């Protein structure tokens, strides 16, 4: 969950990359009708398993392990995807049809 104050656009800069990655999988015009919680979890698992320059090459998944126990992360439905298995294309969820 991410919260920013009203009128404080500078607080959300770091999440814009997530929006970009979501659009790789669900391009503009894609239907969200077939999205299930399981598919959203799969999407977020892939996004959070992608290394980021802002995290010194770490993934968001690995970064959160510094503050949260892995059991908590698993309860959120997010899991680590191996780097060579990350998929950020419409094929990931097969819901890219209009």
PDB file of N, CA and C in Angstrom:
ATOM      1  N   UNK A   1       0.842  -1.157   0.000  1.00  0.00           N
ATOM      2  CA  UNK A   1       0.000   0.000   0.000  1.00  0.00           C
ATOM      3  C   UNK A   1       0.893   1.228   0.000  1.00  0.00           C
ATOM      4  N   UNK A   2       0.498   2.224  -0.762  1.00  0.00           N
ATOM      5  CA  UNK A   2       1.274   3.447  -0.833  1.00  0.00           C
ATOM      6  C   UNK A   2       0.348   4.620  -0.613  1.00  0.00           C
ATOM      7  N   UNK A   3       0.774   5.547   0.202  1.00  0.00           N
ATOM      8  CA  UNK A   3      -0.024   6.732   0.488  1.00  0.00           C
ATOM      9  C   UNK A   3       0.833   7.959   0.240  1.00  0.00           C
ATOM     10  N   UNK A   4       0.254   8.956  -0.400  1.00  0.00           N
ATOM     11  CA  UNK A   4       0.930  10.246  -0.490  1.00  0.00           C
ATOM     12  C   UNK A   4      -0.075  11.343  -0.175  1.00  0.00           C
ATOM     13  N   UNK A   5       0.435  12.428   0.316  1.00  0.00           N
ATOM     14  CA  UNK A   5      -0.417  13.555   0.699  1.00  0.00           C
ATOM     15  C   UNK A   5      -1.028  14.209  -0.540  1.00  0.00           C
ATOM     16  N   UNK A   6      -2.259  14.746  -0.425  1.00  0.00           N
ATOM     17  CA  UNK A   6      -2.869  15.454  -1.550  1.00  0.00           C
ATOM     18  C   UNK A   6      -1.976  16.611  -2.001  1.00  0.00           C
ATOM     19  N   UNK A   7      -1.811  16.725  -3.303  1.00  0.00           N
ATOM     20  CA  UNK A   7      -1.006  17.809  -3.851  1.00  0.00           C
ATOM     21  C   UNK A   7       0.484  17.631  -3.688  1.00  0.00           C
ATOM     22  N   UNK A   8       0.925  16.446  -3.294  1.00  0.00           N
ATOM     23  CA  UNK A   8       2.350  16.182  -3.077  1.00  0.00           C
ATOM     24  C   UNK A   8       2.845  15.150  -4.081  1.00  0.00           C
ATOM     25  N   UNK A   9       2.807  15.515  -5.356  1.00  0.00           N
ATOM     26  CA  UNK A   9       3.175  14.578  -6.421  1.00  0.00           C
ATOM     27  C   UNK A   9       4.589  14.039  -6.275  1.00  0.00           C
ATOM     28  N   UNK A  10       5.495  14.823  -5.669  1.00  0.00           N
ATOM     29  CA  UNK A  10       6.871  14.365  -5.512  1.00  0.00           C
ATOM     30  C   UNK A  10       6.973  13.114  -4.642  1.00  0.00           C
ATOM     31  N   UNK A  11       5.944  12.830  -3.840  1.00  0.00           N
ATOM     32  CA  UNK A  11       5.978  11.657  -2.968  1.00  0.00           C
ATOM     33  C   UNK A  11       5.727  10.362  -3.723  1.00  0.00           C
ATOM     34  N   UNK A  12       5.203  10.434  -4.926  1.00  0.00           N
ATOM     35  CA  UNK A  12       4.863   9.205  -5.642  1.00  0.00           C
ATOM     36  C   UNK A  12       5.818   8.864  -6.769  1.00  0.00           C
ATOM     37  N   UNK A  13       6.882   9.596  -6.907  1.00  0.00           N
ATOM     38  CA  UNK A  13       7.811   9.358  -8.003  1.00  0.00           C
ATOM     39  C   UNK A  13       8.306   7.923  -8.097  1.00  0.00           C
ATOM     40  N   UNK A  14       8.585   7.308  -6.968  1.00  0.00           N
ATOM     41  CA  UNK A  14       9.140   5.957  -6.965  1.00  0.00           C
ATOM     42  C   UNK A  14       8.133   4.903  -7.415  1.00  0.00           C
ATOM     43  N   UNK A  15       6.838   5.189  -7.327  1.00  0.00           N
ATOM     44  CA  UNK A  15       5.862   4.178  -7.739  1.00  0.00           C
ATOM     45  C   UNK A  15       5.540   4.250  -9.224  1.00  0.00           C
ATOM     46  N   UNK A  16       5.985   5.301  -9.897  1.00  0.00           N
ATOM     47  CA  UNK A  16       5.691   5.437 -11.319  1.00  0.00           C
ATOM     48  C   UNK A  16       6.283   4.286 -12.125  1.00  0.00           C
ATOM     49  N   UNK A  17       7.397   3.747 -11.696  1.00  0.00           N
ATOM     50  CA  UNK A  17       8.009   2.610 -12.396  1.00  0.00           C
ATOM     51  C   UNK A  17       7.076   1.405 -12.333  1.00  0.00           C
ATOM     52  N   UNK A  18       6.387   1.214 -11.196  1.00  0.00           N
ATOM     53  CA  UNK A  18       5.419   0.117 -11.099  1.00  0.00           C
ATOM     54  C   UNK A  18       4.307   0.294 -12.120  1.00  0.00           C
ATOM     55  N   UNK A  19       3.829   1.516 -12.279  1.00  0.00           N
ATOM     56  CA  UNK A  19       2.781   1.787 -13.267  1.00  0.00           C
ATOM     57  C   UNK A  19       3.265   1.425 -14.669  1.00  0.00           C
ATOM     58  N   UNK A  20       4.504   1.794 -14.964  1.00  0.00           N
ATOM     59  CA  UNK A  20       5.095   1.458 -16.265  1.00  0.00           C
ATOM     60  C   UNK A  20       5.132  -0.059 -16.459  1.00  0.00           C
ATOM     61  N   UNK A  21       5.565  -0.790 -15.443  1.00  0.00           N
ATOM     62  CA  UNK A  21       5.630  -2.248 -15.546  1.00  0.00           C
ATOM     63  C   UNK A  21       4.237  -2.863 -15.688  1.00  0.00           C
ATOM     64  N   UNK A  22       3.263  -2.329 -14.974  1.00  0.00           N
ATOM     65  CA  UNK A  22       1.887  -2.830 -15.118  1.00  0.00           C
ATOM     66  C   UNK A  22       1.427  -2.676 -16.552  1.00  0.00           C
ATOM     67  N   UNK A  23       1.752  -1.545 -17.176  1.00  0.00           N
ATOM     68  CA  UNK A  23       1.346  -1.305 -18.564  1.00  0.00           C
ATOM     69  C   UNK A  23       2.098  -2.185 -19.557  1.00  0.00           C
ATOM     70  N   UNK A  24       3.261  -2.717 -19.202  1.00  0.00           N
ATOM     71  CA  UNK A  24       3.919  -3.709 -20.066  1.00  0.00           C
ATOM     72  C   UNK A  24       3.043  -4.949 -20.180  1.00  0.00           C
ATOM     73  N   UNK A  25       2.423  -5.334 -19.074  1.00  0.00           N
ATOM     74  CA  UNK A  25       1.613  -6.552 -19.014  1.00  0.00           C
ATOM     75  C   UNK A  25       0.173  -6.270 -19.442  1.00  0.00           C
ATOM     76  N   UNK A  26      -0.342  -5.131 -19.042  1.00  0.00           N
ATOM     77  CA  UNK A  26      -1.722  -4.735 -19.359  1.00  0.00           C
ATOM     78  C   UNK A  26      -1.688  -3.420 -20.126  1.00  0.00           C
ATOM     79  N   UNK A  27      -1.404  -3.491 -21.439  1.00  0.00           N
ATOM     80  CA  UNK A  27      -1.294  -2.257 -22.221  1.00  0.00           C
ATOM     81  C   UNK A  27      -2.593  -1.452 -22.185  1.00  0.00           C
ATOM     82  N   UNK A  28      -2.463  -0.159 -22.433  1.00  0.00           N
ATOM     83  CA  UNK A  28      -3.634   0.707 -22.471  1.00  0.00           C
ATOM     84  C   UNK A  28      -4.678   0.103 -23.395  1.00  0.00           C
ATOM     85  N   UNK A  29      -5.915   0.063 -22.945  1.00  0.00           N
ATOM     86  CA  UNK A  29      -6.998  -0.543 -23.715  1.00  0.00           C
ATOM     87  C   UNK A  29      -7.272  -1.984 -23.329  1.00  0.00           C
ATOM     88  N   UNK A  30      -6.405  -2.578 -22.501  1.00  0.00           N
ATOM     89  CA  UNK A  30      -6.614  -3.958 -22.045  1.00  0.00           C
ATOM     90  C   UNK A  30      -7.797  -4.004 -21.090  1.00  0.00           C
ATOM     91  N   UNK A  31      -8.503  -5.106 -21.132  1.00  0.00           N
ATOM     92  CA  UNK A  31      -9.604  -5.311 -20.197  1.00  0.00           C
ATOM     93  C   UNK A  31      -9.066  -5.832 -18.876  1.00  0.00           C
ATOM     94  N   UNK A  32      -9.597  -5.304 -17.807  1.00  0.00           N
ATOM     95  CA  UNK A  32      -9.236  -5.780 -16.472  1.00  0.00           C
ATOM     96  C   UNK A  32     -10.293  -6.758 -15.961  1.00  0.00           C
ATOM     97  N   UNK A  33     -11.283  -7.064 -16.787  1.00  0.00           N
ATOM     98  CA  UNK A  33     -12.397  -7.918 -16.380  1.00  0.00           C
ATOM     99  C   UNK A  33     -11.968  -9.311 -15.939  1.00  0.00           C
ATOM    100  N   UNK A  34     -10.922  -9.846 -16.543  1.00  0.00           N
ATOM    101  CA  UNK A  34     -10.491 -11.215 -16.236  1.00  0.00           C
ATOM    102  C   UNK A  34      -9.460 -11.271 -15.112  1.00  0.00           C
ATOM    103  N   UNK A  35      -9.142 -10.123 -14.536  1.00  0.00           N
ATOM    104  CA  UNK A  35      -8.165 -10.123 -13.446  1.00  0.00           C
ATOM    105  C   UNK A  35      -8.768 -10.733 -12.187  1.00  0.00           C
ATOM    106  N   UNK A  36      -8.030 -11.625 -11.604  1.00  0.00           N
ATOM    107  CA  UNK A  36      -8.389 -12.211 -10.318  1.00  0.00           C
ATOM    108  C   UNK A  36      -7.311 -11.806  -9.321  1.00  0.00           C
ATOM    109  N   UNK A  37      -7.557 -12.014  -8.054  1.00  0.00           N
ATOM    110  CA  UNK A  37      -6.532 -11.702  -7.055  1.00  0.00           C
ATOM    111  C   UNK A  37      -5.272 -12.514  -7.325  1.00  0.00           C
ATOM    112  N   UNK A  38      -5.439 -13.751  -7.739  1.00  0.00           N
ATOM    113  CA  UNK A  38      -4.285 -14.607  -8.055  1.00  0.00           C
ATOM    114  C   UNK A  38      -3.443 -13.999  -9.180  1.00  0.00           C
ATOM    115  N   UNK A  39      -4.107 -13.475 -10.213  1.00  0.00           N
ATOM    116  CA  UNK A  39      -3.375 -12.867 -11.329  1.00  0.00           C
ATOM    117  C   UNK A  39      -2.700 -11.565 -10.912  1.00  0.00           C
ATOM    118  N   UNK A  40      -3.359 -10.784 -10.084  1.00  0.00           N
ATOM    119  CA  UNK A  40      -2.749  -9.545  -9.577  1.00  0.00           C
ATOM    120  C   UNK A  40      -1.525  -9.893  -8.730  1.00  0.00           C
ATOM    121  N   UNK A  41      -1.633 -10.924  -7.902  1.00  0.00           N
ATOM    122  CA  UNK A  41      -0.486 -11.362  -7.100  1.00  0.00           C
ATOM    123  C   UNK A  41       0.666 -11.796  -7.991  1.00  0.00           C
ATOM    124  N   UNK A  42       0.361 -12.507  -9.074  1.00  0.00           N
ATOM    125  CA  UNK A  42       1.396 -12.951 -10.007  1.00  0.00           C
ATOM    126  C   UNK A  42       2.071 -11.744 -10.663  1.00  0.00           C
ATOM    127  N   UNK A  43       1.266 -10.771 -11.077  1.00  0.00           N
ATOM    128  CA  UNK A  43       1.799  -9.558 -11.686  1.00  0.00           C
ATOM    129  C   UNK A  43       2.715  -8.829 -10.708  1.00  0.00           C
ATOM    130  N   UNK A  44       2.240  -8.631  -9.486  1.00  0.00           N
ATOM    131  CA  UNK A  44       3.038  -7.906  -8.503  1.00  0.00           C
ATOM    132  C   UNK A  44       4.279  -8.690  -8.080  1.00  0.00           C
ATOM    133  N   UNK A  45       4.192  -9.999  -8.071  1.00  0.00           N
ATOM    134  CA  UNK A  45       5.373 -10.813  -7.761  1.00  0.00           C
ATOM    135  C   UNK A  45       6.449 -10.603  -8.818  1.00  0.00           C
ATOM    136  N   UNK A  46       6.040 -10.571 -10.090  1.00  0.00           N
ATOM    137  CA  UNK A  46       7.006 -10.337 -11.169  1.00  0.00           C
ATOM    138  C   UNK A  46       7.574  -8.924 -11.104  1.00  0.00           C
ATOM    139  N   UNK A  47       6.726  -7.940 -10.873  1.00  0.00           N
ATOM    140  CA  UNK A  47       7.193  -6.556 -10.778  1.00  0.00           C
ATOM    141  C   UNK A  47       8.150  -6.395  -9.602  1.00  0.00           C
ATOM    142  N   UNK A  48       7.805  -6.961  -8.464  1.00  0.00           N
ATOM    143  CA  UNK A  48       8.633  -6.815  -7.271  1.00  0.00           C
ATOM    144  C   UNK A  48       9.882  -7.678  -7.291  1.00  0.00           C
ATOM    145  N   UNK A  49      10.031  -8.507  -8.308  1.00  0.00           N
ATOM    146  CA  UNK A  49      11.233  -9.328  -8.474  1.00  0.00           C
ATOM    147  C   UNK A  49      12.154  -8.771  -9.557  1.00  0.00           C
ATOM    148  N   UNK A  50      11.884  -7.538  -9.969  1.00  0.00           N
ATOM    149  CA  UNK A  50      12.696  -6.857 -10.976  1.00  0.00           C
ATOM    150  C   UNK A  50      13.632  -5.884 -10.267  1.00  0.00           C
ATOM    151  N   UNK A  51      14.929  -6.006 -10.529  1.00  0.00           N
ATOM    152  CA  UNK A  51      15.895  -5.144  -9.845  1.00  0.00           C
ATOM    153  C   UNK A  51      15.699  -3.690 -10.252  1.00  0.00           C
ATOM    154  N   UNK A  52      16.040  -2.803  -9.322  1.00  0.00           N
ATOM    155  CA  UNK A  52      15.859  -1.362  -9.533  1.00  0.00           C
ATOM    156  C   UNK A  52      17.156  -0.628  -9.220  1.00  0.00           C
ATOM    157  N   UNK A  53      17.494   0.311 -10.080  1.00  0.00           N
ATOM    158  CA  UNK A  53      18.677   1.146  -9.837  1.00  0.00           C
ATOM    159  C   UNK A  53      18.533   1.908  -8.528  1.00  0.00           C
ATOM    160  N   UNK A  54      17.327   2.398  -8.248  1.00  0.00           N
ATOM    161  CA  UNK A  54      17.092   3.191  -7.035  1.00  0.00           C
ATOM    162  C   UNK A  54      17.335   2.376  -5.765  1.00  0.00           C
ATOM    163  N   UNK A  55      17.314   1.041  -5.882  1.00  0.00           N
ATOM    164  CA  UNK A  55      17.569   0.143  -4.748  1.00  0.00           C
ATOM    165  C   UNK A  55      18.960  -0.483  -4.852  1.00  0.00           C
ATOM    166  N   UNK A  56      19.848   0.171  -5.578  1.00  0.00           N
ATOM    167  CA  UNK A  56      21.217  -0.324  -5.776  1.00  0.00           C
ATOM    168  C   UNK A  56      21.240  -1.727  -6.366  1.00  0.00           C
ATOM    169  N   UNK A  57      20.357  -1.964  -7.321  1.00  0.00           N
ATOM    170  CA  UNK A  57      20.330  -3.248  -8.011  1.00  0.00           C
ATOM    171  C   UNK A  57      19.531  -4.328  -7.311  1.00  0.00           C
ATOM    172  N   UNK A  58      19.004  -4.031  -6.131  1.00  0.00           N
ATOM    173  CA  UNK A  58      18.168  -5.011  -5.422  1.00  0.00           C
ATOM    174  C   UNK A  58      16.754  -4.967  -5.988  1.00  0.00           C
ATOM    175  N   UNK A  59      16.018  -6.010  -5.714  1.00  0.00           N
ATOM    176  CA  UNK A  59      14.609  -6.026  -6.090  1.00  0.00           C
ATOM    177  C   UNK A  59      13.783  -5.465  -4.934  1.00  0.00           C
ATOM    178  N   UNK A  60      12.600  -4.933  -5.216  1.00  0.00           N
ATOM    179  CA  UNK A  60      11.732  -4.511  -4.115  1.00  0.00           C
ATOM    180  C   UNK A  60      11.443  -5.663  -3.147  1.00  0.00           C
ATOM    181  N   UNK A  61      11.331  -6.877  -3.692  1.00  0.00           N
ATOM    182  CA  UNK A  61      11.083  -8.047  -2.834  1.00  0.00           C
ATOM    183  C   UNK A  61      12.217  -8.205  -1.829  1.00  0.00           C
ATOM    184  N   UNK A  62      13.463  -8.157  -2.309  1.00  0.00           N
ATOM    185  CA  UNK A  62      14.606  -8.307  -1.407  1.00  0.00           C
ATOM    186  C   UNK A  62      14.710  -7.136  -0.438  1.00  0.00           C
ATOM    187  N   UNK A  63      14.383  -5.946  -0.899  1.00  0.00           N
ATOM    188  CA  UNK A  63      14.454  -4.765  -0.031  1.00  0.00           C
ATOM    189  C   UNK A  63      13.454  -4.860   1.115  1.00  0.00           C
ATOM    190  N   UNK A  64      12.263  -5.345   0.849  1.00  0.00           N
ATOM    191  CA  UNK A  64      11.252  -5.423   1.905  1.00  0.00           C
ATOM    192  C   UNK A  64      11.615  -6.480   2.953  1.00  0.00           C
ATOM    193  N   UNK A  65      12.414  -7.459   2.554  1.00  0.00           N
ATOM    194  CA  UNK A  65      12.854  -8.474   3.521  1.00  0.00           C
ATOM    195  C   UNK A  65      13.701  -7.878   4.636  1.00  0.00           C
ATOM    196  N   UNK A  66      14.219  -6.670   4.419  1.00  0.00           N
ATOM    197  CA  UNK A  66      15.007  -6.003   5.458  1.00  0.00           C
ATOM    198  C   UNK A  66      14.120  -5.512   6.600  1.00  0.00           C
ATOM    199  N   UNK A  67      12.811  -5.356   6.328  1.00  0.00           N
ATOM    200  CA  UNK A  67      11.917  -4.836   7.370  1.00  0.00           C
ATOM    201  C   UNK A  67      10.766  -5.775   7.723  1.00  0.00           C
ATOM    202  N   UNK A  68      10.400  -6.661   6.829  1.00  0.00           N
ATOM    203  CA  UNK A  68       9.283  -7.579   7.094  1.00  0.00           C
ATOM    204  C   UNK A  68       9.741  -9.021   7.023  1.00  0.00           C
ATOM    205  N   UNK A  69       9.132  -9.859   7.812  1.00  0.00           N
ATOM    206  CA  UNK A  69       9.390 -11.294   7.767  1.00  0.00           C
ATOM    207  C   UNK A  69       8.789 -11.876   6.484  1.00  0.00           C
ATOM    208  N   UNK A  70       9.475 -12.821   5.905  1.00  0.00           N
ATOM    209  CA  UNK A  70       9.014 -13.424   4.652  1.00  0.00           C
ATOM    210  C   UNK A  70       7.624 -14.047   4.777  1.00  0.00           C
ATOM    211  N   UNK A  71       7.261 -14.531   5.969  1.00  0.00           N
ATOM    212  CA  UNK A  71       5.923 -15.107   6.176  1.00  0.00           C
ATOM    213  C   UNK A  71       4.837 -14.058   5.960  1.00  0.00           C
ATOM    214  N   UNK A  72       5.099 -12.831   6.361  1.00  0.00           N
ATOM    215  CA  UNK A  72       4.124 -11.754   6.165  1.00  0.00           C
ATOM    216  C   UNK A  72       3.963 -11.476   4.681  1.00  0.00           C
ATOM    217  N   UNK A  73       5.068 -11.432   3.970  1.00  0.00           N
ATOM    218  CA  UNK A  73       5.026 -11.187   2.529  1.00  0.00           C
ATOM    219  C   UNK A  73       4.247 -12.296   1.839  1.00  0.00           C
ATOM    220  N   UNK A  74       4.483 -13.532   2.242  1.00  0.00           N
ATOM    221  CA  UNK A  74       3.765 -14.662   1.649  1.00  0.00           C
ATOM    222  C   UNK A  74       2.267 -14.564   1.901  1.00  0.00           C
ATOM    223  N   UNK A  75       1.884 -14.082   3.075  1.00  0.00           N
ATOM    224  CA  UNK A  75       0.453 -13.920   3.374  1.00  0.00           C
ATOM    225  C   UNK A  75      -0.192 -12.869   2.483  1.00  0.00           C
ATOM    226  N   UNK A  76       0.601 -11.934   1.995  1.00  0.00           N
ATOM    227  CA  UNK A  76       0.092 -10.934   1.062  1.00  0.00           C
ATOM    228  C   UNK A  76      -0.067 -11.499  -0.351  1.00  0.00           C
ATOM    229  N   UNK A  77       0.403 -12.724  -0.542  1.00  0.00           N
ATOM    230  CA  UNK A  77       0.260 -13.375  -1.845  1.00  0.00           C
ATOM    231  C   UNK A  77       1.381 -13.081  -2.820  1.00  0.00           C
ATOM    232  N   UNK A  78       2.429 -12.426  -2.348  1.00  0.00           N
ATOM    233  CA  UNK A  78       3.563 -12.086  -3.202  1.00  0.00           C
ATOM    234  C   UNK A  78       4.668 -13.101  -2.965  1.00  0.00           C
ATOM    235  N   UNK A  79       5.301 -13.527  -4.048  1.00  0.00           N
ATOM    236  CA  UNK A  79       6.412 -14.467  -3.917  1.00  0.00           C
ATOM    237  C   UNK A  79       7.566 -14.005  -4.792  1.00  0.00           C
ATOM    238  N   UNK A  80       8.740 -14.494  -4.481  1.00  0.00           N
ATOM    239  CA  UNK A  80       9.925 -14.132  -5.254  1.00  0.00           C
ATOM    240  C   UNK A  80       9.937 -14.928  -6.561  1.00  0.00           C
ATOM    241  N   UNK A  81      10.189 -14.229  -7.646  1.00  0.00           N
ATOM    242  CA  UNK A  81      10.347 -14.850  -8.962  1.00  0.00           C
ATOM    243  C   UNK A  81      11.832 -14.753  -9.298  1.00  0.00           C
ATOM    244  N   UNK A  82      12.422 -15.843  -9.737  1.00  0.00           N
ATOM    245  CA  UNK A  82      13.831 -15.822 -10.118  1.00  0.00           C
ATOM    246  C   UNK A  82      14.034 -14.852 -11.280  1.00  0.00           C
ATOM    247  N   UNK A  83      15.162 -14.151 -11.257  1.00  0.00           N
ATOM    248  CA  UNK A  83      15.438 -13.106 -12.239  1.00  0.00           C
ATOM    249  C   UNK A  83      15.227 -13.578 -13.669  1.00  0.00           C
ATOM    250  N   UNK A  84      15.694 -14.758 -13.995  1.00  0.00           N
ATOM    251  CA  UNK A  84      15.571 -15.250 -15.375  1.00  0.00           C
ATOM    252  C   UNK A  84      14.163 -15.744 -15.707  1.00  0.00           C
ATOM    253  N   UNK A  85      13.264 -15.724 -14.735  1.00  0.00           N
ATOM    254  CA  UNK A  85      11.886 -16.151 -14.967  1.00  0.00           C
ATOM    255  C   UNK A  85      10.884 -14.992 -14.918  1.00  0.00           C
ATOM    256  N   UNK A  86      11.364 -13.784 -14.619  1.00  0.00           N
ATOM    257  CA  UNK A  86      10.471 -12.621 -14.564  1.00  0.00           C
ATOM    258  C   UNK A  86       9.890 -12.387 -15.957  1.00  0.00           C
ATOM    259  N   UNK A  87       8.584 -12.186 -16.009  1.00  0.00           N
ATOM    260  CA  UNK A  87       7.880 -11.958 -17.272  1.00  0.00           C
ATOM    261  C   UNK A  87       7.041 -10.701 -17.119  1.00  0.00           C
ATOM    262  N   UNK A  88       7.367  -9.679 -17.870  1.00  0.00           N
ATOM    263  CA  UNK A  88       6.598  -8.436 -17.854  1.00  0.00           C
ATOM    264  C   UNK A  88       6.029  -8.176 -19.245  1.00  0.00           C
ATOM    265  N   UNK A  89       5.352  -9.176 -19.780  1.00  0.00           N
ATOM    266  CA  UNK A  89       4.708  -9.059 -21.077  1.00  0.00           C
ATOM    267  C   UNK A  89       3.239  -9.480 -20.943  1.00  0.00           C
ATOM    268  N   UNK A  90       2.405  -9.132 -21.913  1.00  0.00           N
ATOM    269  CA  UNK A  90       0.992  -9.535 -21.849  1.00  0.00           C
ATOM    270  C   UNK A  90       0.789 -11.043 -21.710  1.00  0.00           C
ATOM    271  N   UNK A  91       1.773 -11.820 -22.124  1.00  0.00           N
ATOM    272  CA  UNK A  91       1.664 -13.285 -21.997  1.00  0.00           C
ATOM    273  C   UNK A  91       1.566 -13.728 -20.538  1.00  0.00           C
ATOM    274  N   UNK A  92       2.059 -12.905 -19.605  1.00  0.00           N
ATOM    275  CA  UNK A  92       2.065 -13.293 -18.194  1.00  0.00           C
ATOM    276  C   UNK A  92       0.674 -13.645 -17.714  1.00  0.00           C
ATOM    277  N   UNK A  93      -0.306 -12.816 -18.007  1.00  0.00           N
ATOM    278  CA  UNK A  93      -1.655 -13.027 -17.489  1.00  0.00           C
ATOM    279  C   UNK A  93      -2.650 -13.445 -18.570  1.00  0.00           C
ATOM    280  N   UNK A  94      -2.248 -13.324 -19.802  1.00  0.00           N
ATOM    281  CA  UNK A  94      -3.121 -13.657 -20.937  1.00  0.00           C
ATOM    282  C   UNK A  94      -4.468 -12.936 -20.838  1.00  0.00           C
ATOM    283  N   UNK A  95      -4.398 -11.654 -20.433  1.00  0.00           N
ATOM    284  CA  UNK A  95      -5.621 -10.841 -20.366  1.00  0.00           C
ATOM    285  C   UNK A  95      -5.453  -9.551 -21.168  1.00  0.00           C
ATOM    286  N   UNK A  96      -4.519  -9.551 -22.097  1.00  0.00           N
ATOM    287  CA  UNK A  96      -4.248  -8.354 -22.865  1.00  0.00           C
ATOM    288  C   UNK A  96      -5.265  -8.052 -23.942  1.00  0.00           C
ATOM    289  N   UNK A  97      -6.262  -8.922 -24.127  1.00  0.00           N
ATOM    290  CA  UNK A  97      -7.263  -8.681 -25.152  1.00  0.00           C
ATOM    291  C   UNK A  97      -8.177  -7.530 -24.765  1.00  0.00           C
ATOM    292  N   UNK A  98      -8.608  -6.793 -25.758  1.00  0.00           N
ATOM    293  CA  UNK A  98      -9.540  -5.690 -25.501  1.00  0.00           C
ATOM    294  C   UNK A  98     -10.932  -6.203 -25.280  1.00  0.00           C
TER     295      UNK A  98
END
